[in-house]
């Protein structure tokens, strides 16, 4: 991804989180529904997986006290794909705006791992179906056929799988140990299928619009790599900020128990 696009994705993510509002009175505990797990128990994996699932479900409606907006839907102000200088058979320059992504809170966690000493928390997420809608502006070509349009867009991703890793550095504050989030890499695997529906292609010409939508959906695997990287970047920025807002206020002892309950 280009440096300019990377910066745009980052700015959009920060703007989204700032739009969630300022946090209320600074809490020093997780909300009661969150699940706590021991930090160095060899049998803690099932607890971690359940805890991550619970946290994702709680984030669905946001955490007002932490200034975290709702995850359901996840809102992406702007996301662009395409290279106007490419000579690839499928070359679509698309600017998506006001995108809303649904069903992320239905993610199911597996392969959770925690290295408390170096602090690395990782896991694999699977969502059976993701639905997104918003606006688009398109200009380009697909198999030598021009493709232009502007209007509403929706798309469904079937079987989305994501690897997450939260990395941090521990530090002392007010006689307690806290965590500074340093990285939150996100790796999204190619879904089983993507179905797009671009409205108002060629100023509403239904015949041309239907043909281009069919071609786009027949060639979605050519489009996915262009969508994958900016989407990963946006989720990485967003999730890192979500985590930072929590771990800045809640000590590690209040998240990862010294001993099993």
Protein backbone atom coordinates (compact mmCIF):
# COMPACT_ATOMS: atom_id res chain seq x y z
CA UNK A 1 0.00 0.00 0.00
CA UNK A 2 1.27 3.45 -0.87
CA UNK A 3 2.46 5.79 1.88
CA UNK A 4 -0.31 8.28 1.03
CA UNK A 5 -3.02 5.61 1.24
CA UNK A 6 -1.53 4.29 4.49
CA UNK A 7 -1.67 7.78 6.01
CA UNK A 8 -5.24 8.26 4.81
CA UNK A 9 -6.29 4.98 6.40
CA UNK A 10 -4.59 5.98 9.65
CA UNK A 11 -6.20 9.40 9.74
CA UNK A 12 -9.60 7.88 9.01
CA UNK A 13 -9.22 5.39 11.85
CA UNK A 14 -8.20 8.05 14.35
CA UNK A 15 -11.05 10.30 13.21
CA UNK A 16 -13.50 7.46 13.72
CA UNK A 17 -12.32 6.82 17.26
CA UNK A 18 -12.36 10.50 18.16
CA UNK A 19 -15.93 10.61 16.89
CA UNK A 20 -16.77 8.08 19.61
CA UNK A 21 -16.63 10.92 22.13
CA UNK A 22 -14.52 11.60 25.16
CA UNK A 23 -14.35 9.07 27.92
CA UNK A 24 -16.31 9.68 31.09
CA UNK A 25 -14.85 9.35 34.59
CA UNK A 26 -11.71 7.27 34.19
CA UNK A 27 -12.52 3.68 35.20
CA UNK A 28 -9.85 1.43 36.71
CA UNK A 29 -11.71 -1.84 36.20
CA UNK A 30 -13.04 -3.68 33.21
CA UNK A 31 -16.83 -3.76 32.81
CA UNK A 32 -18.37 -6.61 34.86
CA UNK A 33 -19.23 -8.69 31.80
CA UNK A 34 -15.56 -9.02 30.78
CA UNK A 35 -13.87 -12.28 31.72
CA UNK A 36 -10.53 -12.37 33.58
CA UNK A 37 -7.91 -15.07 32.97
CA UNK A 38 -4.73 -16.15 34.80
CA UNK A 39 -1.56 -14.85 33.22
CA UNK A 40 0.77 -17.86 33.32
CA UNK A 41 -1.48 -20.90 33.59
CA UNK A 42 -0.72 -23.63 30.97
CA UNK A 43 -4.45 -24.40 30.92
CA UNK A 44 -5.53 -20.82 30.30
CA UNK A 45 -6.18 -21.14 26.54
CA UNK A 46 -9.92 -21.92 26.82
CA UNK A 47 -10.29 -18.99 29.22
CA UNK A 48 -8.46 -16.64 26.85
CA UNK A 49 -10.58 -17.68 23.87
CA UNK A 50 -13.78 -17.19 25.84
CA UNK A 51 -12.52 -13.86 27.22
CA UNK A 52 -11.74 -12.52 23.73
CA UNK A 53 -15.18 -13.60 22.46
CA UNK A 54 -16.86 -11.86 25.40
CA UNK A 55 -14.80 -8.69 24.86
CA UNK A 56 -15.72 -8.55 21.16
CA UNK A 57 -19.41 -8.96 21.98
CA UNK A 58 -19.19 -6.19 24.61
CA UNK A 59 -17.49 -3.90 22.10
CA UNK A 60 -20.46 -4.34 19.78
CA UNK A 61 -22.29 -1.50 21.55
CA UNK A 62 -19.13 0.42 22.49
CA UNK A 63 -17.64 1.29 25.88
CA UNK A 64 -18.70 4.82 26.77
CA UNK A 65 -16.53 5.08 29.88
CA UNK A 66 -13.45 4.36 27.77
CA UNK A 67 -14.49 6.58 24.84
CA UNK A 68 -14.76 3.58 22.51
CA UNK A 69 -17.43 3.73 19.76
CA UNK A 70 -19.53 0.72 18.83
CA UNK A 71 -18.00 -2.09 16.82
CA UNK A 72 -21.42 -2.98 15.40
CA UNK A 73 -21.33 -1.67 12.81
CA UNK A 74 -17.68 -0.80 12.36
CA UNK A 75 -17.62 2.47 10.43
CA UNK A 76 -14.90 3.26 7.91
CA UNK A 77 -15.03 6.92 6.77
CA UNK A 78 -12.93 6.37 3.65
CA UNK A 79 -11.07 3.54 1.94
CA UNK A 80 -9.57 3.60 -1.53
CA UNK A 81 -8.27 0.85 -3.81
CA UNK A 82 -6.74 0.63 -7.25
CA UNK A 83 -3.69 1.80 -9.17
CA UNK A 84 -4.47 4.06 -12.16
CA UNK A 85 -1.11 3.14 -13.73
CA UNK A 86 -1.66 -0.61 -13.57
CA UNK A 87 -2.00 -2.66 -16.75
CA UNK A 88 -3.67 -5.59 -14.96
CA UNK A 89 -6.74 -7.11 -16.68
CA UNK A 90 -8.86 -5.99 -13.72
CA UNK A 91 -7.99 -2.39 -12.89
CA UNK A 92 -10.69 -0.63 -10.90
CA UNK A 93 -10.00 2.56 -9.01
CA UNK A 94 -12.68 2.70 -6.32
CA UNK A 95 -13.10 5.20 -3.52
CA UNK A 96 -15.38 3.85 -0.78
CA UNK A 97 -16.88 6.27 1.76
CA UNK A 98 -19.10 5.93 4.84
CA UNK A 99 -18.68 2.17 4.86
CA UNK A 100 -20.50 0.26 7.63
CA UNK A 101 -19.39 -3.31 8.35
CA UNK A 102 -21.74 -5.67 10.17
CA UNK A 103 -21.32 -8.99 12.03
CA UNK A 104 -17.74 -8.55 13.31
CA UNK A 105 -19.09 -9.08 16.83
CA UNK A 106 -20.02 -12.64 15.82
CA UNK A 107 -16.33 -13.58 15.57
CA UNK A 108 -15.28 -16.85 17.17
CA UNK A 109 -11.77 -17.09 18.65
CA UNK A 110 -9.40 -20.04 18.41
CA UNK A 111 -5.68 -20.70 18.89
CA UNK A 112 -5.38 -18.01 21.57
CA UNK A 113 -1.93 -17.59 23.12
CA UNK A 114 -0.49 -15.32 25.79
CA UNK A 115 3.18 -14.71 26.51
CA UNK A 116 2.91 -12.52 29.57
CA UNK A 117 6.64 -11.96 30.05
CA UNK A 118 7.24 -10.38 26.61
CA UNK A 119 3.57 -9.50 26.35
CA UNK A 120 2.14 -10.94 23.20
CA UNK A 121 -1.53 -11.88 23.03
CA UNK A 122 -2.58 -13.51 19.77
CA UNK A 123 -5.50 -15.42 18.34
CA UNK A 124 -7.39 -16.48 15.25
CA UNK A 125 -10.85 -15.07 14.49
CA UNK A 126 -13.48 -16.53 12.19
CA UNK A 127 -16.70 -14.85 11.07
CA UNK A 128 -19.03 -16.83 8.83
CA UNK A 129 -20.39 -13.82 6.98
CA UNK A 130 -19.58 -10.10 6.87
CA UNK A 131 -21.93 -7.59 5.30
CA UNK A 132 -20.90 -4.05 4.34
CA UNK A 133 -22.66 -1.09 2.77
CA UNK A 134 -21.83 2.50 1.92
CA UNK A 135 -20.99 4.74 -1.03
CA UNK A 136 -18.55 4.45 -3.91
CA UNK A 137 -17.02 6.24 -6.87
CA UNK A 138 -15.56 3.90 -9.53
CA UNK A 139 -13.47 4.50 -12.62
CA UNK A 140 -11.46 1.87 -14.46
CA UNK A 141 -11.80 -1.22 -16.57
CA UNK A 142 -12.38 -4.91 -16.20
CA UNK A 143 -11.18 -7.22 -18.98
CA UNK A 144 -10.84 -4.21 -21.32
CA UNK A 145 -14.42 -3.11 -20.58
CA UNK A 146 -14.76 0.40 -19.10
CA UNK A 147 -16.38 0.55 -15.66
CA UNK A 148 -17.67 3.83 -14.24
CA UNK A 149 -20.23 4.74 -11.63
CA UNK A 150 -21.10 6.52 -8.42
CA UNK A 151 -23.69 5.64 -5.80
CA UNK A 152 -24.52 3.02 -3.20
CA UNK A 153 -22.57 -0.19 -2.79
CA UNK A 154 -22.97 -3.32 -0.71
CA UNK A 155 -20.88 -6.45 -0.48
CA UNK A 156 -20.82 -9.71 1.45
CA UNK A 157 -17.68 -11.61 2.43
CA UNK A 158 -18.21 -15.29 3.18
CA UNK A 159 -16.01 -16.98 5.81
CA UNK A 160 -13.66 -14.22 6.88
CA UNK A 161 -10.65 -15.40 8.90
CA UNK A 162 -8.27 -13.05 10.69
CA UNK A 163 -5.09 -13.43 12.74
CA UNK A 164 -4.68 -10.80 15.48
CA UNK A 165 -1.67 -10.07 17.69
CA UNK A 166 -1.50 -7.47 20.44
CA UNK A 167 2.02 -6.51 21.51
CA UNK A 168 2.93 -4.25 24.39
CA UNK A 169 5.50 -3.02 26.88
CA UNK A 170 4.83 -3.11 30.63
CA UNK A 171 5.48 -0.06 32.80
CA UNK A 172 4.78 1.08 36.35
CA UNK A 173 2.21 3.73 37.25
CA UNK A 174 0.92 4.51 40.75
CA UNK A 175 2.50 1.34 42.12
CA UNK A 176 0.72 -0.80 39.54
CA UNK A 177 1.80 -2.45 36.31
CA UNK A 178 0.23 -1.14 33.11
CA UNK A 179 0.64 -1.95 29.43
CA UNK A 180 1.62 0.36 26.59
CA UNK A 181 0.28 -1.06 23.32
CA UNK A 182 3.09 -0.95 20.75
CA UNK A 183 1.72 -3.00 17.84
CA UNK A 184 -1.51 -4.65 16.77
CA UNK A 185 -0.84 -6.41 13.46
CA UNK A 186 -3.82 -7.83 11.60
CA UNK A 187 -3.69 -10.46 8.87
CA UNK A 188 -6.88 -11.11 6.91
CA UNK A 189 -7.07 -14.28 4.85
CA UNK A 190 -8.77 -14.45 1.47
CA UNK A 191 -12.47 -15.12 2.09
CA UNK A 192 -14.32 -17.99 0.46
CA UNK A 193 -16.26 -15.54 -1.68
CA UNK A 194 -17.13 -11.86 -2.13
CA UNK A 195 -20.33 -10.68 -3.78
CA UNK A 196 -20.49 -6.96 -4.72
CA UNK A 197 -23.49 -4.90 -5.77
CA UNK A 198 -22.63 -1.49 -7.22
CA UNK A 199 -25.71 0.63 -7.85
CA UNK A 200 -25.98 3.35 -10.51
CA UNK A 201 -23.19 2.12 -12.75
CA UNK A 202 -23.11 4.06 -16.04
CA UNK A 203 -25.65 6.56 -14.65
CA UNK A 204 -28.18 3.86 -13.88
CA UNK A 205 -28.04 1.86 -17.12
CA UNK A 206 -29.41 -1.46 -15.82
CA UNK A 207 -28.05 -3.61 -18.65
CA UNK A 208 -24.50 -2.27 -18.44
CA UNK A 209 -24.67 -2.13 -14.66
CA UNK A 210 -25.73 -5.77 -14.39
CA UNK A 211 -22.97 -6.84 -16.78
CA UNK A 212 -20.25 -5.00 -14.82
CA UNK A 213 -21.52 -6.35 -11.49
CA UNK A 214 -21.42 -9.86 -12.93
CA UNK A 215 -17.87 -9.34 -14.21
CA UNK A 216 -16.74 -7.89 -10.88
CA UNK A 217 -18.16 -10.86 -9.00
CA UNK A 218 -16.66 -13.36 -11.43
CA UNK A 219 -13.26 -11.72 -10.89
CA UNK A 220 -13.46 -10.89 -7.17
CA UNK A 221 -10.19 -12.74 -6.48
CA UNK A 222 -8.39 -10.15 -8.62
CA UNK A 223 -9.93 -7.33 -6.58
CA UNK A 224 -9.43 -8.85 -3.12
CA UNK A 225 -5.64 -8.19 -2.81
CA UNK A 226 -6.27 -4.47 -3.41
CA UNK A 227 -8.97 -4.40 -0.72
CA UNK A 228 -7.09 -6.63 1.72
CA UNK A 229 -4.17 -4.34 2.57
CA UNK A 230 -6.06 -1.09 3.32
CA UNK A 231 -8.65 -3.06 5.29
CA UNK A 232 -5.89 -4.68 7.35
CA UNK A 233 -4.31 -1.29 7.97
CA UNK A 234 -7.61 0.21 9.10
CA UNK A 235 -8.39 -2.66 11.47
CA UNK A 236 -4.87 -2.54 12.89
CA UNK A 237 -5.13 1.20 13.65
CA UNK A 238 -8.62 0.80 15.10
CA UNK A 239 -7.98 -2.25 17.28
CA UNK A 240 -4.74 -0.78 18.60
CA UNK A 241 -6.61 2.35 19.64
CA UNK A 242 -9.41 0.31 21.25
CA UNK A 243 -6.84 -1.63 23.26
CA UNK A 244 -4.86 1.50 24.18
CA UNK A 245 -7.91 3.21 25.61
CA UNK A 246 -8.54 0.23 27.87
CA UNK A 247 -5.00 -0.59 28.98
CA UNK A 248 -4.14 3.06 29.66
CA UNK A 249 -6.71 2.97 32.45
CA UNK A 250 -6.88 -0.62 33.69
CA UNK A 251 -3.82 -2.23 35.27
CA UNK A 252 -2.58 -5.62 34.13
CA UNK A 253 -3.45 -7.12 37.53
CA UNK A 254 -7.07 -6.20 36.82
CA UNK A 255 -7.04 -7.92 33.44
CA UNK A 256 -4.73 -10.93 33.83
CA UNK A 257 -4.93 -12.54 37.25
CA UNK A 258 -1.79 -13.41 39.16
CA UNK A 259 -3.40 -16.69 40.21
CA UNK A 260 -6.24 -18.73 38.79
CA UNK A 261 -9.56 -17.95 40.51
